Amino acid sequence: MEPRTLLEALTVAERLKDTTRHCYTRNGRHESVAEHSWMMTLMAFFMKDEFPEVDMDKVIKMCIIHDLGEAFTGDIPTFEKTDVEPNNIFYFKQKMELVRLELTTSTLQG
């Protein structure tokens, strides 16, 4: 990966530190998307030996990148994604997230 591409990808990922999710931490504050992704990745790492038939390296990679699109769209809770009327703001944000995620992952893959 070219250094500039790497820095651009890391800049996008850093936005997730300040992007909050709809859910809360145990202490009552909004969880960031970065915290959510980190916890999922950590869980997958610790469960690696429990599922030897699963390609856990692929699962871990998916955990790391699965919410990168939210750096552009913000968190879109699942219960809001079910209302997919074209005039709905969540419909627009969901489509935007998919496009941005596709662009980001294609850049990261080289």
PDB file of N, CA and C in Angstrom:
ATOM      1  N   MET A   1       0.847  -1.177   0.000  1.00  0.00           N
ATOM      2  CA  MET A   1       0.000   0.000   0.000  1.00  0.00           C
ATOM      3  C   MET A   1       0.890   1.237   0.000  1.00  0.00           C
ATOM      4  N   GLU A   2       0.515   2.174  -0.824  1.00  0.00           N
ATOM      5  CA  GLU A   2       1.241   3.444  -0.888  1.00  0.00           C
ATOM      6  C   GLU A   2       1.104   4.186   0.447  1.00  0.00           C
ATOM      7  N   PRO A   3       2.157   4.882   0.878  1.00  0.00           N
ATOM      8  CA  PRO A   3       2.085   5.606   2.148  1.00  0.00           C
ATOM      9  C   PRO A   3       0.907   6.586   2.233  1.00  0.00           C
ATOM     10  N   ARG A   4       0.635   7.322   1.150  1.00  0.00           N
ATOM     11  CA  ARG A   4      -0.473   8.285   1.173  1.00  0.00           C
ATOM     12  C   ARG A   4      -1.809   7.565   1.361  1.00  0.00           C
ATOM     13  N   THR A   5      -1.979   6.439   0.690  1.00  0.00           N
ATOM     14  CA  THR A   5      -3.214   5.658   0.819  1.00  0.00           C
ATOM     15  C   THR A   5      -3.381   5.157   2.243  1.00  0.00           C
ATOM     16  N   LEU A   6      -2.285   4.692   2.833  1.00  0.00           N
ATOM     17  CA  LEU A   6      -2.326   4.232   4.218  1.00  0.00           C
ATOM     18  C   LEU A   6      -2.734   5.365   5.154  1.00  0.00           C
ATOM     19  N   LEU A   7      -2.132   6.525   4.987  1.00  0.00           N
ATOM     20  CA  LEU A   7      -2.458   7.668   5.851  1.00  0.00           C
ATOM     21  C   LEU A   7      -3.914   8.098   5.664  1.00  0.00           C
ATOM     22  N   GLU A   8      -4.418   8.066   4.439  1.00  0.00           N
ATOM     23  CA  GLU A   8      -5.818   8.414   4.195  1.00  0.00           C
ATOM     24  C   GLU A   8      -6.751   7.416   4.876  1.00  0.00           C
ATOM     25  N   ALA A   9      -6.423   6.125   4.781  1.00  0.00           N
ATOM     26  CA  ALA A   9      -7.252   5.100   5.420  1.00  0.00           C
ATOM     27  C   ALA A   9      -7.242   5.263   6.936  1.00  0.00           C
ATOM     28  N   LEU A  10      -6.078   5.560   7.507  1.00  0.00           N
ATOM     29  CA  LEU A  10      -5.984   5.753   8.957  1.00  0.00           C
ATOM     30  C   LEU A  10      -6.717   7.009   9.405  1.00  0.00           C
ATOM     31  N   THR A  11      -6.709   8.036   8.575  1.00  0.00           N
ATOM     32  CA  THR A  11      -7.442   9.265   8.890  1.00  0.00           C
ATOM     33  C   THR A  11      -8.940   8.997   8.929  1.00  0.00           C
ATOM     34  N   VAL A  12      -9.419   8.199   7.980  1.00  0.00           N
ATOM     35  CA  VAL A  12     -10.831   7.816   7.983  1.00  0.00           C
ATOM     36  C   VAL A  12     -11.142   7.006   9.234  1.00  0.00           C
ATOM     37  N   ALA A  13     -10.315   6.016   9.533  1.00  0.00           N
ATOM     38  CA  ALA A  13     -10.549   5.161  10.695  1.00  0.00           C
ATOM     39  C   ALA A  13     -10.536   5.965  11.990  1.00  0.00           C
ATOM     40  N   GLU A  14      -9.699   6.999  12.065  1.00  0.00           N
ATOM     41  CA  GLU A  14      -9.617   7.803  13.283  1.00  0.00           C
ATOM     42  C   GLU A  14     -10.929   8.528  13.580  1.00  0.00           C
ATOM     43  N   ARG A  15     -11.702   8.814  12.552  1.00  0.00           N
ATOM     44  CA  ARG A  15     -13.001   9.471  12.759  1.00  0.00           C
ATOM     45  C   ARG A  15     -13.920   8.628  13.644  1.00  0.00           C
ATOM     46  N   LEU A  16     -13.710   7.312  13.629  1.00  0.00           N
ATOM     47  CA  LEU A  16     -14.585   6.424  14.394  1.00  0.00           C
ATOM     48  C   LEU A  16     -14.431   6.612  15.902  1.00  0.00           C
ATOM     49  N   LYS A  17     -13.330   7.193  16.331  1.00  0.00           N
ATOM     50  CA  LYS A  17     -13.141   7.479  17.753  1.00  0.00           C
ATOM     51  C   LYS A  17     -14.161   8.497  18.253  1.00  0.00           C
ATOM     52  N   ASP A  18     -14.548   9.412  17.372  1.00  0.00           N
ATOM     53  CA  ASP A  18     -15.476  10.485  17.745  1.00  0.00           C
ATOM     54  C   ASP A  18     -16.901  10.236  17.266  1.00  0.00           C
ATOM     55  N   THR A  19     -17.119   9.140  16.564  1.00  0.00           N
ATOM     56  CA  THR A  19     -18.450   8.805  16.065  1.00  0.00           C
ATOM     57  C   THR A  19     -19.135   7.917  17.091  1.00  0.00           C
ATOM     58  N   THR A  20     -20.217   8.408  17.680  1.00  0.00           N
ATOM     59  CA  THR A  20     -20.882   7.631  18.725  1.00  0.00           C
ATOM     60  C   THR A  20     -21.965   6.731  18.139  1.00  0.00           C
ATOM     61  N   ARG A  21     -22.219   5.677  18.868  1.00  0.00           N
ATOM     62  CA  ARG A  21     -23.259   4.719  18.506  1.00  0.00           C
ATOM     63  C   ARG A  21     -24.522   5.027  19.317  1.00  0.00           C
ATOM     64  N   HIS A  22     -25.579   4.341  18.971  1.00  0.00           N
ATOM     65  CA  HIS A  22     -26.858   4.560  19.660  1.00  0.00           C
ATOM     66  C   HIS A  22     -26.898   3.893  21.027  1.00  0.00           C
ATOM     67  N   CYS A  23     -25.954   3.012  21.315  1.00  0.00           N
ATOM     68  CA  CYS A  23     -25.974   2.288  22.589  1.00  0.00           C
ATOM     69  C   CYS A  23     -24.990   2.907  23.580  1.00  0.00           C
ATOM     70  N   TYR A  24     -25.056   2.411  24.800  1.00  0.00           N
ATOM     71  CA  TYR A  24     -24.279   2.990  25.883  1.00  0.00           C
ATOM     72  C   TYR A  24     -23.299   1.975  26.469  1.00  0.00           C
ATOM     73  N   THR A  25     -22.228   2.495  27.080  1.00  0.00           N
ATOM     74  CA  THR A  25     -21.293   1.646  27.800  1.00  0.00           C
ATOM     75  C   THR A  25     -21.897   1.287  29.162  1.00  0.00           C
ATOM     76  N   ARG A  26     -21.240   0.430  29.864  1.00  0.00           N
ATOM     77  CA  ARG A  26     -21.697   0.040  31.196  1.00  0.00           C
ATOM     78  C   ARG A  26     -21.762   1.235  32.141  1.00  0.00           C
ATOM     79  N   ASN A  27     -20.927   2.247  31.892  1.00  0.00           N
ATOM     80  CA  ASN A  27     -20.900   3.438  32.740  1.00  0.00           C
ATOM     81  C   ASN A  27     -21.897   4.509  32.319  1.00  0.00           C
ATOM     82  N   GLY A  28     -22.693   4.239  31.282  1.00  0.00           N
ATOM     83  CA  GLY A  28     -23.762   5.149  30.913  1.00  0.00           C
ATOM     84  C   GLY A  28     -23.445   6.198  29.870  1.00  0.00           C
ATOM     85  N   ARG A  29     -22.295   6.123  29.227  1.00  0.00           N
ATOM     86  CA  ARG A  29     -22.000   7.080  28.165  1.00  0.00           C
ATOM     87  C   ARG A  29     -22.134   6.382  26.817  1.00  0.00           C
ATOM     88  N   HIS A  30     -22.314   7.189  25.759  1.00  0.00           N
ATOM     89  CA  HIS A  30     -22.410   6.615  24.423  1.00  0.00           C
ATOM     90  C   HIS A  30     -21.087   5.950  24.058  1.00  0.00           C
ATOM     91  N   GLU A  31     -21.182   4.769  23.487  1.00  0.00           N
ATOM     92  CA  GLU A  31     -20.007   4.047  22.995  1.00  0.00           C
ATOM     93  C   GLU A  31     -19.623   4.614  21.627  1.00  0.00           C
ATOM     94  N   SER A  32     -18.328   4.710  21.366  1.00  0.00           N
ATOM     95  CA  SER A  32     -17.894   5.134  20.037  1.00  0.00           C
ATOM     96  C   SER A  32     -17.868   3.928  19.108  1.00  0.00           C
ATOM     97  N   VAL A  33     -17.897   4.196  17.821  1.00  0.00           N
ATOM     98  CA  VAL A  33     -17.819   3.120  16.833  1.00  0.00           C
ATOM     99  C   VAL A  33     -16.463   2.424  16.956  1.00  0.00           C
ATOM    100  N   ALA A  34     -15.403   3.177  17.235  1.00  0.00           N
ATOM    101  CA  ALA A  34     -14.078   2.584  17.392  1.00  0.00           C
ATOM    102  C   ALA A  34     -14.058   1.605  18.574  1.00  0.00           C
ATOM    103  N   GLU A  35     -14.696   1.986  19.674  1.00  0.00           N
ATOM    104  CA  GLU A  35     -14.751   1.089  20.838  1.00  0.00           C
ATOM    105  C   GLU A  35     -15.522  -0.184  20.504  1.00  0.00           C
ATOM    106  N   HIS A  36     -16.611  -0.029  19.777  1.00  0.00           N
ATOM    107  CA  HIS A  36     -17.420  -1.176  19.367  1.00  0.00           C
ATOM    108  C   HIS A  36     -16.598  -2.129  18.487  1.00  0.00           C
ATOM    109  N   SER A  37     -15.903  -1.573  17.507  1.00  0.00           N
ATOM    110  CA  SER A  37     -15.093  -2.397  16.604  1.00  0.00           C
ATOM    111  C   SER A  37     -13.962  -3.086  17.362  1.00  0.00           C
ATOM    112  N   TRP A  38     -13.339  -2.355  18.278  1.00  0.00           N
ATOM    113  CA  TRP A  38     -12.252  -2.935  19.074  1.00  0.00           C
ATOM    114  C   TRP A  38     -12.761  -4.103  19.912  1.00  0.00           C
ATOM    115  N   MET A  39     -13.920  -3.932  20.571  1.00  0.00           N
ATOM    116  CA  MET A  39     -14.458  -4.993  21.421  1.00  0.00           C
ATOM    117  C   MET A  39     -14.821  -6.225  20.593  1.00  0.00           C
ATOM    118  N   MET A  40     -15.426  -6.012  19.428  1.00  0.00           N
ATOM    119  CA  MET A  40     -15.763  -7.150  18.569  1.00  0.00           C
ATOM    120  C   MET A  40     -14.507  -7.895  18.125  1.00  0.00           C
ATOM    121  N   THR A  41     -13.472  -7.146  17.763  1.00  0.00           N
ATOM    122  CA  THR A  41     -12.221  -7.751  17.326  1.00  0.00           C
ATOM    123  C   THR A  41     -11.571  -8.528  18.463  1.00  0.00           C
ATOM    124  N   LEU A  42     -11.588  -7.959  19.646  1.00  0.00           N
ATOM    125  CA  LEU A  42     -11.024  -8.626  20.817  1.00  0.00           C
ATOM    126  C   LEU A  42     -11.783  -9.920  21.134  1.00  0.00           C
ATOM    127  N   MET A  43     -13.111  -9.871  21.045  1.00  0.00           N
ATOM    128  CA  MET A  43     -13.918 -11.083  21.285  1.00  0.00           C
ATOM    129  C   MET A  43     -13.577 -12.158  20.266  1.00  0.00           C
ATOM    130  N   ALA A  44     -13.470 -11.789  19.005  1.00  0.00           N
ATOM    131  CA  ALA A  44     -13.130 -12.764  17.963  1.00  0.00           C
ATOM    132  C   ALA A  44     -11.747 -13.361  18.225  1.00  0.00           C
ATOM    133  N   PHE A  45     -10.806 -12.533  18.632  1.00  0.00           N
ATOM    134  CA  PHE A  45      -9.453 -13.006  18.928  1.00  0.00           C
ATOM    135  C   PHE A  45      -9.472 -14.045  20.052  1.00  0.00           C
ATOM    136  N   PHE A  46     -10.204 -13.755  21.125  1.00  0.00           N
ATOM    137  CA  PHE A  46     -10.248 -14.672  22.264  1.00  0.00           C
ATOM    138  C   PHE A  46     -11.042 -15.943  21.968  1.00  0.00           C
ATOM    139  N   MET A  47     -11.946 -15.896  21.012  1.00  0.00           N
ATOM    140  CA  MET A  47     -12.752 -17.075  20.686  1.00  0.00           C
ATOM    141  C   MET A  47     -12.126 -17.921  19.580  1.00  0.00           C
ATOM    142  N   LYS A  48     -10.968 -17.531  19.102  1.00  0.00           N
ATOM    143  CA  LYS A  48     -10.316 -18.212  17.981  1.00  0.00           C
ATOM    144  C   LYS A  48     -10.191 -19.721  18.204  1.00  0.00           C
ATOM    145  N   ASP A  49      -9.764 -20.119  19.377  1.00  0.00           N
ATOM    146  CA  ASP A  49      -9.569 -21.547  19.657  1.00  0.00           C
ATOM    147  C   ASP A  49     -10.883 -22.301  19.837  1.00  0.00           C
ATOM    148  N   GLU A  50     -11.957 -21.605  20.119  1.00  0.00           N
ATOM    149  CA  GLU A  50     -13.262 -22.240  20.328  1.00  0.00           C
ATOM    150  C   GLU A  50     -13.911 -22.684  19.016  1.00  0.00           C
ATOM    151  N   PHE A  51     -13.482 -22.105  17.908  1.00  0.00           N
ATOM    152  CA  PHE A  51     -14.061 -22.404  16.599  1.00  0.00           C
ATOM    153  C   PHE A  51     -12.947 -22.700  15.595  1.00  0.00           C
ATOM    154  N   PRO A  52     -12.274 -23.849  15.742  1.00  0.00           N
ATOM    155  CA  PRO A  52     -11.123 -24.141  14.870  1.00  0.00           C
ATOM    156  C   PRO A  52     -11.496 -24.270  13.387  1.00  0.00           C
ATOM    157  N   GLU A  53     -12.763 -24.558  13.102  1.00  0.00           N
ATOM    158  CA  GLU A  53     -13.180 -24.725  11.710  1.00  0.00           C
ATOM    159  C   GLU A  53     -13.439 -23.397  11.005  1.00  0.00           C
ATOM    160  N   VAL A  54     -13.472 -22.310  11.761  1.00  0.00           N
ATOM    161  CA  VAL A  54     -13.770 -20.984  11.209  1.00  0.00           C
ATOM    162  C   VAL A  54     -12.471 -20.255  10.893  1.00  0.00           C
ATOM    163  N   ASP A  55     -12.440 -19.572   9.788  1.00  0.00           N
ATOM    164  CA  ASP A  55     -11.295 -18.737   9.426  1.00  0.00           C
ATOM    165  C   ASP A  55     -11.366 -17.468  10.272  1.00  0.00           C
ATOM    166  N   MET A  56     -10.848 -17.551  11.499  1.00  0.00           N
ATOM    167  CA  MET A  56     -10.975 -16.441  12.432  1.00  0.00           C
ATOM    168  C   MET A  56     -10.126 -15.236  12.027  1.00  0.00           C
ATOM    169  N   ASP A  57      -9.077 -15.455  11.236  1.00  0.00           N
ATOM    170  CA  ASP A  57      -8.338 -14.291  10.736  1.00  0.00           C
ATOM    171  C   ASP A  57      -9.245 -13.446   9.845  1.00  0.00           C
ATOM    172  N   LYS A  58     -10.077 -14.110   9.039  1.00  0.00           N
ATOM    173  CA  LYS A  58     -11.034 -13.387   8.202  1.00  0.00           C
ATOM    174  C   LYS A  58     -12.081 -12.693   9.073  1.00  0.00           C
ATOM    175  N   VAL A  59     -12.555 -13.378  10.120  1.00  0.00           N
ATOM    176  CA  VAL A  59     -13.536 -12.784  11.028  1.00  0.00           C
ATOM    177  C   VAL A  59     -12.946 -11.546  11.694  1.00  0.00           C
ATOM    178  N   ILE A  60     -11.698 -11.638  12.136  1.00  0.00           N
ATOM    179  CA  ILE A  60     -11.039 -10.507  12.789  1.00  0.00           C
ATOM    180  C   ILE A  60     -10.911  -9.331  11.818  1.00  0.00           C
ATOM    181  N   LYS A  61     -10.546  -9.620  10.577  1.00  0.00           N
ATOM    182  CA  LYS A  61     -10.457  -8.552   9.571  1.00  0.00           C
ATOM    183  C   LYS A  61     -11.822  -7.909   9.354  1.00  0.00           C
ATOM    184  N   MET A  62     -12.867  -8.719   9.320  1.00  0.00           N
ATOM    185  CA  MET A  62     -14.217  -8.188   9.142  1.00  0.00           C
ATOM    186  C   MET A  62     -14.600  -7.303  10.328  1.00  0.00           C
ATOM    187  N   CYS A  63     -14.234  -7.726  11.540  1.00  0.00           N
ATOM    188  CA  CYS A  63     -14.535  -6.923  12.728  1.00  0.00           C
ATOM    189  C   CYS A  63     -13.844  -5.565  12.666  1.00  0.00           C
ATOM    190  N   ILE A  64     -12.629  -5.554  12.141  1.00  0.00           N
ATOM    191  CA  ILE A  64     -11.870  -4.307  12.082  1.00  0.00           C
ATOM    192  C   ILE A  64     -12.479  -3.326  11.084  1.00  0.00           C
ATOM    193  N   ILE A  65     -12.942  -3.810   9.936  1.00  0.00           N
ATOM    194  CA  ILE A  65     -13.383  -2.884   8.885  1.00  0.00           C
ATOM    195  C   ILE A  65     -14.898  -2.754   8.737  1.00  0.00           C
ATOM    196  N   HIS A  66     -15.676  -3.548   9.462  1.00  0.00           N
ATOM    197  CA  HIS A  66     -17.117  -3.613   9.176  1.00  0.00           C
ATOM    198  C   HIS A  66     -17.862  -2.285   9.367  1.00  0.00           C
ATOM    199  N   ASP A  67     -17.359  -1.387  10.167  1.00  0.00           N
ATOM    200  CA  ASP A  67     -18.065  -0.127  10.406  1.00  0.00           C
ATOM    201  C   ASP A  67     -17.334   1.097   9.855  1.00  0.00           C
ATOM    202  N   LEU A  68     -16.372   0.902   8.976  1.00  0.00           N
ATOM    203  CA  LEU A  68     -15.640   2.061   8.441  1.00  0.00           C
ATOM    204  C   LEU A  68     -16.565   3.055   7.741  1.00  0.00           C
ATOM    205  N   GLY A  69     -17.605   2.571   7.124  1.00  0.00           N
ATOM    206  CA  GLY A  69     -18.551   3.457   6.451  1.00  0.00           C
ATOM    207  C   GLY A  69     -19.199   4.451   7.390  1.00  0.00           C
ATOM    208  N   GLU A  70     -19.278   4.102   8.675  1.00  0.00           N
ATOM    209  CA  GLU A  70     -19.902   4.987   9.647  1.00  0.00           C
ATOM    210  C   GLU A  70     -19.058   6.232   9.928  1.00  0.00           C
ATOM    211  N   ALA A  71     -17.814   6.242   9.467  1.00  0.00           N
ATOM    212  CA  ALA A  71     -17.000   7.461   9.569  1.00  0.00           C
ATOM    213  C   ALA A  71     -17.599   8.559   8.698  1.00  0.00           C
ATOM    214  N   PHE A  72     -18.392   8.171   7.692  1.00  0.00           N
ATOM    215  CA  PHE A  72     -19.011   9.125   6.781  1.00  0.00           C
ATOM    216  C   PHE A  72     -20.493   9.350   7.095  1.00  0.00           C
ATOM    217  N   THR A  73     -21.163   8.306   7.565  1.00  0.00           N
ATOM    218  CA  THR A  73     -22.618   8.391   7.731  1.00  0.00           C
ATOM    219  C   THR A  73     -23.065   8.495   9.170  1.00  0.00           C
ATOM    220  N   GLY A  74     -22.179   8.197  10.114  1.00  0.00           N
ATOM    221  CA  GLY A  74     -22.600   8.079  11.502  1.00  0.00           C
ATOM    222  C   GLY A  74     -23.227   6.712  11.725  1.00  0.00           C
ATOM    223  N   ASP A  75     -23.571   6.429  12.946  1.00  0.00           N
ATOM    224  CA  ASP A  75     -24.185   5.146  13.297  1.00  0.00           C
ATOM    225  C   ASP A  75     -25.625   5.113  12.786  1.00  0.00           C
ATOM    226  N   ILE A  76     -25.975   4.017  12.173  1.00  0.00           N
ATOM    227  CA  ILE A  76     -27.358   3.809  11.745  1.00  0.00           C
ATOM    228  C   ILE A  76     -27.837   2.538  12.430  1.00  0.00           C
ATOM    229  N   PRO A  77     -28.600   2.671  13.515  1.00  0.00           N
ATOM    230  CA  PRO A  77     -29.070   1.484  14.232  1.00  0.00           C
ATOM    231  C   PRO A  77     -29.904   0.575  13.329  1.00  0.00           C
ATOM    232  N   THR A  78     -29.829  -0.721  13.569  1.00  0.00           N
ATOM    233  CA  THR A  78     -30.548  -1.700  12.764  1.00  0.00           C
ATOM    234  C   THR A  78     -32.037  -1.409  12.725  1.00  0.00           C
ATOM    235  N   PHE A  79     -32.613  -1.012  13.865  1.00  0.00           N
ATOM    236  CA  PHE A  79     -34.056  -0.768  13.893  1.00  0.00           C
ATOM    237  C   PHE A  79     -34.447   0.419  13.020  1.00  0.00           C
ATOM    238  N   GLU A  80     -33.503   1.295  12.671  1.00  0.00           N
ATOM    239  CA  GLU A  80     -33.798   2.390  11.763  1.00  0.00           C
ATOM    240  C   GLU A  80     -33.525   2.015  10.315  1.00  0.00           C
ATOM    241  N   LYS A  81     -32.700   0.996  10.092  1.00  0.00           N
ATOM    242  CA  LYS A  81     -32.402   0.543   8.735  1.00  0.00           C
ATOM    243  C   LYS A  81     -33.581  -0.193   8.113  1.00  0.00           C
ATOM    244  N   THR A  82     -34.513  -0.650   8.928  1.00  0.00           N
ATOM    245  CA  THR A  82     -35.636  -1.410   8.389  1.00  0.00           C
ATOM    246  C   THR A  82     -36.612  -0.524   7.641  1.00  0.00           C
ATOM    247  N   ASP A  83     -36.601   0.782   7.895  1.00  0.00           N
ATOM    248  CA  ASP A  83     -37.475   1.729   7.205  1.00  0.00           C
ATOM    249  C   ASP A  83     -36.712   2.267   5.998  1.00  0.00           C
ATOM    250  N   VAL A  84     -36.852   1.594   4.855  1.00  0.00           N
ATOM    251  CA  VAL A  84     -36.003   1.904   3.707  1.00  0.00           C
ATOM    252  C   VAL A  84     -36.751   2.630   2.594  1.00  0.00           C
ATOM    253  N   GLU A  85     -37.634   3.524   2.968  1.00  0.00           N
ATOM    254  CA  GLU A  85     -38.310   4.332   1.967  1.00  0.00           C
ATOM    255  C   GLU A  85     -37.298   5.309   1.357  1.00  0.00           C
ATOM    256  N   PRO A  86     -37.291   5.450   0.029  1.00  0.00           N
ATOM    257  CA  PRO A  86     -36.302   6.310  -0.623  1.00  0.00           C
ATOM    258  C   PRO A  86     -36.271   7.754  -0.121  1.00  0.00           C
ATOM    259  N   ASN A  87     -37.357   8.291   0.407  1.00  0.00           N
ATOM    260  CA  ASN A  87     -37.350   9.664   0.904  1.00  0.00           C
ATOM    261  C   ASN A  87     -36.911   9.768   2.361  1.00  0.00           C
ATOM    262  N   ASN A  88     -36.616   8.648   2.989  1.00  0.00           N
ATOM    263  CA  ASN A  88     -36.213   8.610   4.385  1.00  0.00           C
ATOM    264  C   ASN A  88     -34.718   8.895   4.496  1.00  0.00           C
ATOM    265  N   ILE A  89     -34.311   9.737   5.447  1.00  0.00           N
ATOM    266  CA  ILE A  89     -32.900  10.076   5.629  1.00  0.00           C
ATOM    267  C   ILE A  89     -32.065   8.839   5.941  1.00  0.00           C
ATOM    268  N   PHE A  90     -32.639   7.860   6.635  1.00  0.00           N
ATOM    269  CA  PHE A  90     -31.879   6.657   6.969  1.00  0.00           C
ATOM    270  C   PHE A  90     -31.626   5.800   5.734  1.00  0.00           C
ATOM    271  N   TYR A  91     -32.548   5.833   4.785  1.00  0.00           N
ATOM    272  CA  TYR A  91     -32.339   5.147   3.511  1.00  0.00           C
ATOM    273  C   TYR A  91     -31.126   5.750   2.806  1.00  0.00           C
ATOM    274  N   PHE A  92     -31.084   7.077   2.738  1.00  0.00           N
ATOM    275  CA  PHE A  92     -29.969   7.770   2.106  1.00  0.00           C
ATOM    276  C   PHE A  92     -28.660   7.457   2.828  1.00  0.00           C
ATOM    277  N   LYS A  93     -28.660   7.540   4.151  1.00  0.00           N
ATOM    278  CA  LYS A  93     -27.444   7.280   4.916  1.00  0.00           C
ATOM    279  C   LYS A  93     -26.977   5.841   4.762  1.00  0.00           C
ATOM    280  N   GLN A  94     -27.935   4.905   4.681  1.00  0.00           N
ATOM    281  CA  GLN A  94     -27.574   3.498   4.505  1.00  0.00           C
ATOM    282  C   GLN A  94     -26.907   3.302   3.147  1.00  0.00           C
ATOM    283  N   LYS A  95     -27.466   3.878   2.107  1.00  0.00           N
ATOM    284  CA  LYS A  95     -26.875   3.752   0.774  1.00  0.00           C
ATOM    285  C   LYS A  95     -25.490   4.404   0.739  1.00  0.00           C
ATOM    286  N   MET A  96     -25.369   5.567   1.371  1.00  0.00           N
ATOM    287  CA  MET A  96     -24.095   6.255   1.414  1.00  0.00           C
ATOM    288  C   MET A  96     -23.045   5.416   2.148  1.00  0.00           C
ATOM    289  N   GLU A  97     -23.454   4.786   3.244  1.00  0.00           N
ATOM    290  CA  GLU A  97     -22.538   3.939   4.001  1.00  0.00           C
ATOM    291  C   GLU A  97     -22.031   2.794   3.133  1.00  0.00           C
ATOM    292  N   LEU A  98     -22.902   2.172   2.365  1.00  0.00           N
ATOM    293  CA  LEU A  98     -22.492   1.059   1.505  1.00  0.00           C
ATOM    294  C   LEU A  98     -21.501   1.514   0.445  1.00  0.00           C
ATOM    295  N   VAL A  99     -21.743   2.663  -0.159  1.00  0.00           N
ATOM    296  CA  VAL A  99     -20.836   3.176  -1.186  1.00  0.00           C
ATOM    297  C   VAL A  99     -19.481   3.509  -0.570  1.00  0.00           C
ATOM    298  N   ARG A 100     -19.494   4.225   0.546  1.00  0.00           N
ATOM    299  CA  ARG A 100     -18.230   4.599   1.196  1.00  0.00           C
ATOM    300  C   ARG A 100     -17.457   3.368   1.660  1.00  0.00           C
ATOM    301  N   LEU A 101     -18.159   2.377   2.201  1.00  0.00           N
ATOM    302  CA  LEU A 101     -17.491   1.159   2.649  1.00  0.00           C
ATOM    303  C   LEU A 101     -16.863   0.435   1.473  1.00  0.00           C
ATOM    304  N   GLU A 102     -17.568   0.372   0.365  1.00  0.00           N
ATOM    305  CA  GLU A 102     -17.018  -0.275  -0.830  1.00  0.00           C
ATOM    306  C   GLU A 102     -15.760   0.445  -1.304  1.00  0.00           C
ATOM    307  N   LEU A 103     -15.789   1.770  -1.332  1.00  0.00           N
ATOM    308  CA  LEU A 103     -14.626   2.544  -1.746  1.00  0.00           C
ATOM    309  C   LEU A 103     -13.457   2.352  -0.784  1.00  0.00           C
ATOM    310  N   THR A 104     -13.745   2.360   0.509  1.00  0.00           N
ATOM    311  CA  THR A 104     -12.697   2.211   1.519  1.00  0.00           C
ATOM    312  C   THR A 104     -12.058   0.836   1.452  1.00  0.00           C
ATOM    313  N   THR A 105     -12.880  -0.214   1.372  1.00  0.00           N
ATOM    314  CA  THR A 105     -12.320  -1.565   1.362  1.00  0.00           C
ATOM    315  C   THR A 105     -11.564  -1.838   0.074  1.00  0.00           C
ATOM    316  N   SER A 106     -12.015  -1.289  -1.053  1.00  0.00           N
ATOM    317  CA  SER A 106     -11.269  -1.494  -2.298  1.00  0.00           C
ATOM    318  C   SER A 106      -9.917  -0.781  -2.214  1.00  0.00           C
ATOM    319  N   THR A 107      -9.867   0.367  -1.551  1.00  0.00           N
ATOM    320  CA  THR A 107      -8.593   1.077  -1.362  1.00  0.00           C
ATOM    321  C   THR A 107      -7.672   0.270  -0.460  1.00  0.00           C
ATOM    322  N   LEU A 108      -8.223  -0.303   0.611  1.00  0.00           N
ATOM    323  CA  LEU A 108      -7.394  -1.068   1.551  1.00  0.00           C
ATOM    324  C   LEU A 108      -6.888  -2.376   0.957  1.00  0.00           C
ATOM    325  N   GLN A 109      -7.623  -2.932   0.012  1.00  0.00           N
ATOM    326  CA  GLN A 109      -7.204  -4.194  -0.600  1.00  0.00           C
ATOM    327  C   GLN A 109      -6.103  -3.985  -1.639  1.00  0.00           C
ATOM    328  N   GLY A 110      -5.865  -2.766  -2.021  1.00  0.00           N
ATOM    329  CA  GLY A 110      -4.771  -2.492  -2.930  1.00  0.00           C
ATOM    330  C   GLY A 110      -5.279  -2.174  -4.278  1.00  0.00           C
TER     331      GLY A 110
END
